[in-house]
Amino acid sequence: MFTPDDFQLSLESQLKLRVIYDEVDKCKDVEHLQEQLKEATQLMMRYQTILNRLLRDKISENLSMITDKIEKDL
């Protein structure tokens, strides 16, 4: 389903990640880092929810197509 390339970040994403890493390394405000971590976690969980919904819908769609094909072949 996935290839190793699917898990690689684009050059643009790598650059953005590097900038974020540099900002985190320079930051000494623990409260600010905590808040940013909370926001990043919330965003990741939202993306997971969206992906779960998309996958569920796609699987349902595929199952409906398979069911329709089976019914036609009978």
Protein backbone atom coordinates (compact mmCIF):
# COMPACT_ATOMS: atom_id res chain seq x y z
CA MET A 1 0.00 0.00 0.00
CA PHE A 2 2.76 2.44 0.95
CA THR A 3 6.27 2.71 -0.36
CA PRO A 4 9.28 3.96 1.60
CA ASP A 5 9.08 7.19 -0.42
CA ASP A 6 5.63 7.85 1.03
CA PHE A 7 7.26 8.44 4.40
CA GLN A 8 9.87 10.89 3.14
CA LEU A 9 9.36 14.62 3.57
CA SER A 10 9.62 16.87 0.55
CA LEU A 11 12.53 19.31 0.42
CA GLU A 12 10.13 22.13 1.25
CA SER A 13 8.85 20.25 4.31
CA GLN A 14 12.39 19.43 5.40
CA LEU A 15 13.27 23.11 5.25
CA LYS A 16 10.20 24.08 7.28
CA LEU A 17 11.04 21.39 9.84
CA ARG A 18 14.61 22.66 10.09
CA VAL A 19 13.37 26.20 10.73
CA ILE A 20 11.04 24.93 13.46
CA TYR A 21 13.85 22.86 15.03
CA ASP A 22 16.10 25.93 15.08
CA GLU A 23 13.37 28.02 16.73
CA VAL A 24 12.75 25.35 19.36
CA ASP A 25 16.47 25.01 20.07
CA LYS A 26 16.77 28.78 20.60
CA CYS A 27 13.64 29.09 22.75
CA LYS A 28 14.18 29.26 26.50
CA ASP A 29 10.54 29.98 27.43
CA VAL A 30 9.25 26.63 28.72
CA GLU A 31 5.66 27.86 28.97
CA HIS A 32 5.72 28.91 25.32
CA LEU A 33 7.14 25.53 24.30
CA GLN A 34 4.44 23.77 26.33
CA GLU A 35 1.71 25.77 24.63
CA GLN A 36 3.13 25.08 21.18
CA LEU A 37 3.38 21.36 21.97
CA LYS A 38 -0.26 21.31 23.04
CA GLU A 39 -1.31 23.07 19.83
CA ALA A 40 0.79 20.72 17.68
CA THR A 41 -0.71 17.70 19.42
CA GLN A 42 -4.24 19.02 18.91
CA LEU A 43 -3.52 19.64 15.21
CA MET A 44 -2.09 16.12 14.79
CA MET A 45 -5.17 14.62 16.43
CA ARG A 46 -7.44 16.64 14.12
CA TYR A 47 -5.53 15.35 11.10
CA GLN A 48 -5.86 11.80 12.42
CA THR A 49 -9.60 12.28 12.79
CA ILE A 50 -9.89 13.63 9.25
CA LEU A 51 -7.81 10.75 7.84
CA ASN A 52 -9.89 8.20 9.74
CA ARG A 53 -13.05 9.72 8.29
CA LEU A 54 -11.66 9.75 4.76
CA LEU A 55 -10.50 6.15 5.05
CA ARG A 56 -13.83 5.00 6.47
CA ASP A 57 -15.71 6.73 3.65
CA LYS A 58 -13.38 5.31 1.00
CA ILE A 59 -13.64 1.78 2.41
CA SER A 60 -17.43 2.07 2.49
CA GLU A 61 -17.42 3.31 -1.08
CA ASN A 62 -15.21 0.42 -2.20
CA LEU A 63 -17.36 -2.12 -0.36
CA SER A 64 -20.46 -0.72 -2.03
CA MET A 65 -18.81 -1.04 -5.44
CA ILE A 66 -17.81 -4.63 -4.71
CA THR A 67 -21.30 -5.47 -3.43
CA ASP A 68 -22.89 -3.92 -6.53
CA LYS A 69 -20.57 -5.90 -8.80
CA ILE A 70 -21.33 -9.14 -6.98
CA GLU A 71 -25.06 -8.50 -7.23
CA LYS A 72 -24.78 -7.80 -10.96
CA ASP A 73 -22.80 -10.98 -11.52
CA LEU A 74 -25.42 -13.08 -9.74
